[in-house]
Amino acid sequence: MDDSLKDLLSAETEAEAIVSRGELERDAIIQKSLDDAHAMEKQFQDRLPELYQSFVDKSHDRANQTIAEMKLRYDERNKELRDLAGKHDKEALQQAITLILDIDQVDT
């Protein structure tokens, strides 16, 4: 019986040592996970200016492209209007002369 009691005490001591090692390993894993999370967060924070600048650059490029497209459409429309005005230039001049002559005839 004495040997059984010694074996039980020995097993209990060994079990407590295993539990203690397990708790230490668990704490080490938790600490490593926290350290990794903090490192990843710092890396992200360090990259924020780069990400922001990238976003600004893309927005600037899109704005420039939109401005160029709008200018092109404006120039095309302006040319169309000038061509249209040129086509109707003689007609408008003739109507203006007719109006002026009609007004002169009404006044006299």
N, C-alpha and C. Protein backbone atom coordinates (compact mmCIF):
# COMPACT_ATOMS: atom_id res chain seq x y z
N MET A 1 0.81 -1.17 0.00
CA MET A 1 0.00 0.00 0.00
C MET A 1 0.87 1.25 0.00
N ASP A 2 1.97 1.16 0.72
CA ASP A 2 2.88 2.27 0.82
C ASP A 2 3.45 2.63 -0.56
N ASP A 3 3.75 1.59 -1.35
CA ASP A 3 4.26 1.83 -2.70
C ASP A 3 3.18 2.45 -3.60
N SER A 4 1.97 2.03 -3.43
CA SER A 4 0.87 2.58 -4.22
C SER A 4 0.70 4.06 -3.92
N LEU A 5 0.79 4.42 -2.65
CA LEU A 5 0.66 5.81 -2.25
C LEU A 5 1.81 6.65 -2.83
N LYS A 6 3.02 6.08 -2.81
CA LYS A 6 4.18 6.77 -3.37
C LYS A 6 4.00 6.95 -4.89
N ASP A 7 3.47 5.92 -5.54
CA ASP A 7 3.24 5.99 -6.99
C ASP A 7 2.19 7.06 -7.31
N LEU A 8 1.14 7.11 -6.48
CA LEU A 8 0.10 8.13 -6.70
C LEU A 8 0.66 9.53 -6.49
N LEU A 9 1.44 9.72 -5.44
CA LEU A 9 2.05 11.04 -5.20
C LEU A 9 3.01 11.41 -6.32
N SER A 10 3.75 10.43 -6.77
CA SER A 10 4.69 10.66 -7.87
C SER A 10 3.92 11.02 -9.15
N ALA A 11 2.84 10.31 -9.42
CA ALA A 11 2.02 10.57 -10.61
C ALA A 11 1.39 11.95 -10.51
N GLU A 12 0.94 12.31 -9.30
CA GLU A 12 0.32 13.63 -9.10
C GLU A 12 1.36 14.73 -9.33
N THR A 13 2.56 14.54 -8.82
CA THR A 13 3.63 15.53 -9.01
C THR A 13 3.97 15.65 -10.49
N GLU A 14 4.05 14.52 -11.16
CA GLU A 14 4.34 14.53 -12.59
C GLU A 14 3.22 15.20 -13.36
N ALA A 15 1.96 14.96 -12.99
CA ALA A 15 0.81 15.57 -13.65
C ALA A 15 0.83 17.08 -13.45
N GLU A 16 1.15 17.52 -12.23
CA GLU A 16 1.23 18.96 -11.96
C GLU A 16 2.34 19.60 -12.80
N ALA A 17 3.46 18.90 -12.95
CA ALA A 17 4.55 19.42 -13.77
C ALA A 17 4.12 19.53 -15.24
N ILE A 18 3.39 18.53 -15.72
CA ILE A 18 2.88 18.56 -17.11
C ILE A 18 1.91 19.72 -17.29
N VAL A 19 1.01 19.91 -16.32
CA VAL A 19 0.04 21.00 -16.39
C VAL A 19 0.77 22.34 -16.37
N SER A 20 1.80 22.48 -15.53
CA SER A 20 2.57 23.72 -15.45
C SER A 20 3.28 24.01 -16.77
N ARG A 21 3.88 22.97 -17.36
CA ARG A 21 4.54 23.17 -18.66
C ARG A 21 3.52 23.56 -19.73
N GLY A 22 2.36 22.91 -19.67
CA GLY A 22 1.30 23.23 -20.64
C GLY A 22 0.83 24.68 -20.50
N GLU A 23 0.68 25.13 -19.24
CA GLU A 23 0.26 26.52 -19.02
C GLU A 23 1.33 27.49 -19.52
N LEU A 24 2.61 27.15 -19.26
CA LEU A 24 3.69 28.00 -19.75
C LEU A 24 3.72 28.05 -21.28
N GLU A 25 3.54 26.90 -21.89
CA GLU A 25 3.50 26.86 -23.36
C GLU A 25 2.31 27.66 -23.89
N ARG A 26 1.15 27.50 -23.23
CA ARG A 26 -0.04 28.25 -23.63
C ARG A 26 0.22 29.75 -23.52
N ASP A 27 0.81 30.18 -22.40
CA ASP A 27 1.11 31.60 -22.20
C ASP A 27 2.10 32.10 -23.25
N ALA A 28 3.08 31.25 -23.58
CA ALA A 28 4.06 31.64 -24.60
C ALA A 28 3.39 31.78 -25.96
N ILE A 29 2.48 30.86 -26.28
CA ILE A 29 1.75 30.93 -27.57
C ILE A 29 0.88 32.18 -27.62
N ILE A 30 0.20 32.47 -26.52
CA ILE A 30 -0.65 33.67 -26.46
C ILE A 30 0.21 34.92 -26.63
N GLN A 31 1.34 34.98 -25.93
CA GLN A 31 2.21 36.14 -26.04
C GLN A 31 2.76 36.30 -27.45
N LYS A 32 3.15 35.18 -28.07
CA LYS A 32 3.65 35.25 -29.45
C LYS A 32 2.56 35.73 -30.39
N SER A 33 1.33 35.25 -30.18
CA SER A 33 0.21 35.69 -31.02
C SER A 33 -0.03 37.19 -30.84
N LEU A 34 0.03 37.66 -29.60
CA LEU A 34 -0.14 39.10 -29.36
C LEU A 34 0.98 39.91 -30.00
N ASP A 35 2.21 39.42 -29.85
CA ASP A 35 3.35 40.11 -30.48
C ASP A 35 3.21 40.16 -32.00
N ASP A 36 2.80 39.03 -32.57
CA ASP A 36 2.59 38.98 -34.03
C ASP A 36 1.49 39.95 -34.45
N ALA A 37 0.41 40.00 -33.68
CA ALA A 37 -0.70 40.91 -34.00
C ALA A 37 -0.24 42.36 -33.92
N HIS A 38 0.54 42.69 -32.89
CA HIS A 38 1.06 44.05 -32.76
C HIS A 38 2.01 44.39 -33.91
N ALA A 39 2.83 43.44 -34.30
CA ALA A 39 3.76 43.66 -35.42
C ALA A 39 2.99 43.89 -36.71
N MET A 40 1.94 43.10 -36.94
CA MET A 40 1.14 43.26 -38.16
C MET A 40 0.42 44.61 -38.13
N GLU A 41 -0.09 45.00 -36.98
CA GLU A 41 -0.77 46.29 -36.86
C GLU A 41 0.21 47.44 -37.13
N LYS A 42 1.42 47.34 -36.58
CA LYS A 42 2.44 48.38 -36.82
C LYS A 42 2.81 48.42 -38.29
N GLN A 43 2.95 47.26 -38.91
CA GLN A 43 3.27 47.21 -40.34
C GLN A 43 2.16 47.89 -41.15
N PHE A 44 0.92 47.62 -40.77
CA PHE A 44 -0.21 48.26 -41.46
C PHE A 44 -0.18 49.77 -41.25
N GLN A 45 0.04 50.20 -40.01
CA GLN A 45 0.10 51.63 -39.71
C GLN A 45 1.23 52.29 -40.49
N ASP A 46 2.35 51.60 -40.61
CA ASP A 46 3.49 52.15 -41.35
C ASP A 46 3.18 52.28 -42.84
N ARG A 47 2.31 51.42 -43.35
CA ARG A 47 1.97 51.43 -44.78
C ARG A 47 0.83 52.39 -45.11
N LEU A 48 0.15 52.92 -44.09
CA LEU A 48 -1.00 53.80 -44.36
C LEU A 48 -0.64 55.00 -45.24
N PRO A 49 0.46 55.71 -44.98
CA PRO A 49 0.79 56.82 -45.87
C PRO A 49 0.99 56.38 -47.32
N GLU A 50 1.62 55.23 -47.51
CA GLU A 50 1.83 54.69 -48.87
C GLU A 50 0.49 54.36 -49.52
N LEU A 51 -0.41 53.73 -48.77
CA LEU A 51 -1.73 53.39 -49.30
C LEU A 51 -2.51 54.65 -49.63
N TYR A 52 -2.44 55.64 -48.73
CA TYR A 52 -3.13 56.90 -48.96
C TYR A 52 -2.60 57.59 -50.21
N GLN A 53 -1.26 57.64 -50.34
CA GLN A 53 -0.67 58.28 -51.51
C GLN A 53 -1.06 57.57 -52.80
N SER A 54 -1.11 56.25 -52.75
CA SER A 54 -1.53 55.48 -53.91
C SER A 54 -2.95 55.84 -54.30
N PHE A 55 -3.82 55.96 -53.31
CA PHE A 55 -5.22 56.34 -53.57
C PHE A 55 -5.28 57.74 -54.17
N VAL A 56 -4.51 58.67 -53.62
CA VAL A 56 -4.49 60.05 -54.12
C VAL A 56 -3.98 60.08 -55.56
N ASP A 57 -2.91 59.32 -55.83
CA ASP A 57 -2.36 59.29 -57.19
C ASP A 57 -3.37 58.74 -58.19
N LYS A 58 -4.06 57.65 -57.82
CA LYS A 58 -5.06 57.08 -58.72
C LYS A 58 -6.21 58.06 -58.95
N SER A 59 -6.63 58.74 -57.89
CA SER A 59 -7.71 59.72 -58.01
C SER A 59 -7.27 60.87 -58.91
N HIS A 60 -6.05 61.31 -58.74
CA HIS A 60 -5.52 62.40 -59.57
C HIS A 60 -5.46 61.98 -61.03
N ASP A 61 -5.00 60.76 -61.28
CA ASP A 61 -4.95 60.26 -62.66
C ASP A 61 -6.34 60.19 -63.28
N ARG A 62 -7.32 59.68 -62.48
CA ARG A 62 -8.69 59.60 -63.00
C ARG A 62 -9.25 61.00 -63.28
N ALA A 63 -8.95 61.95 -62.40
CA ALA A 63 -9.43 63.32 -62.61
C ALA A 63 -8.82 63.91 -63.87
N ASN A 64 -7.53 63.70 -64.06
CA ASN A 64 -6.87 64.21 -65.28
C ASN A 64 -7.46 63.57 -66.53
N GLN A 65 -7.75 62.28 -66.46
CA GLN A 65 -8.34 61.58 -67.60
C GLN A 65 -9.73 62.15 -67.90
N THR A 66 -10.51 62.36 -66.85
CA THR A 66 -11.85 62.92 -67.03
C THR A 66 -11.78 64.32 -67.62
N ILE A 67 -10.84 65.13 -67.14
CA ILE A 67 -10.68 66.49 -67.67
C ILE A 67 -10.29 66.43 -69.15
N ALA A 68 -9.38 65.54 -69.50
CA ALA A 68 -8.95 65.40 -70.89
C ALA A 68 -10.12 64.97 -71.78
N GLU A 69 -10.94 64.03 -71.30
CA GLU A 69 -12.09 63.58 -72.07
C GLU A 69 -13.11 64.71 -72.24
N MET A 70 -13.34 65.46 -71.16
CA MET A 70 -14.29 66.58 -71.25
C MET A 70 -13.77 67.66 -72.20
N LYS A 71 -12.46 67.94 -72.16
CA LYS A 71 -11.88 68.92 -73.06
C LYS A 71 -12.01 68.46 -74.51
N LEU A 72 -11.77 67.18 -74.74
CA LEU A 72 -11.91 66.64 -76.09
C LEU A 72 -13.35 66.80 -76.59
N ARG A 73 -14.32 66.44 -75.73
CA ARG A 73 -15.73 66.61 -76.12
C ARG A 73 -16.08 68.08 -76.36
N TYR A 74 -15.54 68.96 -75.51
CA TYR A 74 -15.79 70.39 -75.68
C TYR A 74 -15.21 70.87 -77.01
N ASP A 75 -13.97 70.46 -77.29
CA ASP A 75 -13.33 70.88 -78.54
C ASP A 75 -14.10 70.35 -79.76
N GLU A 76 -14.55 69.09 -79.68
CA GLU A 76 -15.33 68.52 -80.78
C GLU A 76 -16.64 69.29 -80.97
N ARG A 77 -17.32 69.58 -79.88
CA ARG A 77 -18.60 70.30 -79.95
C ARG A 77 -18.37 71.72 -80.46
N ASN A 78 -17.29 72.35 -80.01
CA ASN A 78 -16.97 73.69 -80.45
C ASN A 78 -16.72 73.71 -81.96
N LYS A 79 -15.99 72.69 -82.46
CA LYS A 79 -15.73 72.59 -83.89
C LYS A 79 -17.04 72.38 -84.66
N GLU A 80 -17.90 71.52 -84.13
CA GLU A 80 -19.19 71.29 -84.79
C GLU A 80 -19.99 72.58 -84.88
N LEU A 81 -20.01 73.34 -83.79
CA LEU A 81 -20.76 74.60 -83.79
C LEU A 81 -20.16 75.61 -84.75
N ARG A 82 -18.83 75.68 -84.81
CA ARG A 82 -18.19 76.60 -85.76
C ARG A 82 -18.47 76.19 -87.21
N ASP A 83 -18.41 74.87 -87.46
CA ASP A 83 -18.73 74.38 -88.80
C ASP A 83 -20.17 74.71 -89.16
N LEU A 84 -21.06 74.48 -88.21
CA LEU A 84 -22.48 74.78 -88.43
C LEU A 84 -22.68 76.27 -88.66
N ALA A 85 -21.99 77.10 -87.88
CA ALA A 85 -22.10 78.55 -88.07
C ALA A 85 -21.55 78.95 -89.43
N GLY A 86 -20.46 78.32 -89.83
CA GLY A 86 -19.88 78.62 -91.15
C GLY A 86 -20.84 78.25 -92.28
N LYS A 87 -21.53 77.13 -92.12
CA LYS A 87 -22.48 76.69 -93.15
C LYS A 87 -23.65 77.65 -93.26
N HIS A 88 -24.05 78.22 -92.14
CA HIS A 88 -25.23 79.09 -92.14
C HIS A 88 -24.84 80.56 -92.15
N ASP A 89 -23.55 80.84 -92.35
CA ASP A 89 -23.07 82.22 -92.34
C ASP A 89 -23.71 83.04 -93.45
N LYS A 90 -23.68 82.51 -94.66
CA LYS A 90 -24.25 83.24 -95.81
C LYS A 90 -25.75 83.45 -95.62
N GLU A 91 -26.41 82.41 -95.16
CA GLU A 91 -27.85 82.49 -94.94
C GLU A 91 -28.17 83.56 -93.89
N ALA A 92 -27.43 83.59 -92.82
CA ALA A 92 -27.65 84.58 -91.76
C ALA A 92 -27.36 85.98 -92.28
N LEU A 93 -26.30 86.13 -93.06
CA LEU A 93 -25.97 87.44 -93.63
C LEU A 93 -27.07 87.90 -94.58
N GLN A 94 -27.56 87.00 -95.37
CA GLN A 94 -28.64 87.35 -96.31
C GLN A 94 -29.90 87.78 -95.55
N GLN A 95 -30.24 87.04 -94.49
CA GLN A 95 -31.42 87.40 -93.70
C GLN A 95 -31.23 88.74 -93.00
N ALA A 96 -30.01 89.00 -92.53
CA ALA A 96 -29.73 90.28 -91.88
C ALA A 96 -29.88 91.43 -92.88
N ILE A 97 -29.36 91.24 -94.09
CA ILE A 97 -29.49 92.28 -95.13
C ILE A 97 -30.95 92.50 -95.47
N THR A 98 -31.68 91.39 -95.59
CA THR A 98 -33.10 91.50 -95.90
C THR A 98 -33.83 92.26 -94.80
N LEU A 99 -33.52 91.96 -93.56
CA LEU A 99 -34.15 92.65 -92.43
C LEU A 99 -33.82 94.13 -92.44
N ILE A 100 -32.56 94.43 -92.71
CA ILE A 100 -32.14 95.85 -92.73
C ILE A 100 -32.85 96.60 -93.86
N LEU A 101 -32.92 95.97 -95.03
CA LEU A 101 -33.58 96.60 -96.17
C LEU A 101 -35.07 96.76 -95.91
N ASP A 102 -35.69 95.77 -95.27
CA ASP A 102 -37.12 95.86 -94.94
C ASP A 102 -37.36 96.99 -93.95
N ILE A 103 -36.47 97.14 -92.99
CA ILE A 103 -36.64 98.21 -91.99
C ILE A 103 -36.47 99.57 -92.68
N ASP A 104 -35.52 99.67 -93.60
CA ASP A 104 -35.32 100.93 -94.31
C ASP A 104 -36.55 101.26 -95.15
N GLN A 105 -37.18 100.28 -95.74
CA GLN A 105 -38.36 100.51 -96.55
C GLN A 105 -39.56 100.92 -95.69
N VAL A 106 -39.65 100.39 -94.47
CA VAL A 106 -40.74 100.72 -93.58
C VAL A 106 -40.56 102.13 -93.07
N ASP A 107 -39.34 102.57 -92.82
CA ASP A 107 -39.07 103.92 -92.30
C ASP A 107 -39.30 104.97 -93.36
N THR A 108 -39.16 104.69 -94.64
CA THR A 108 -39.29 105.69 -95.69
C THR A 108 -40.67 105.78 -96.26
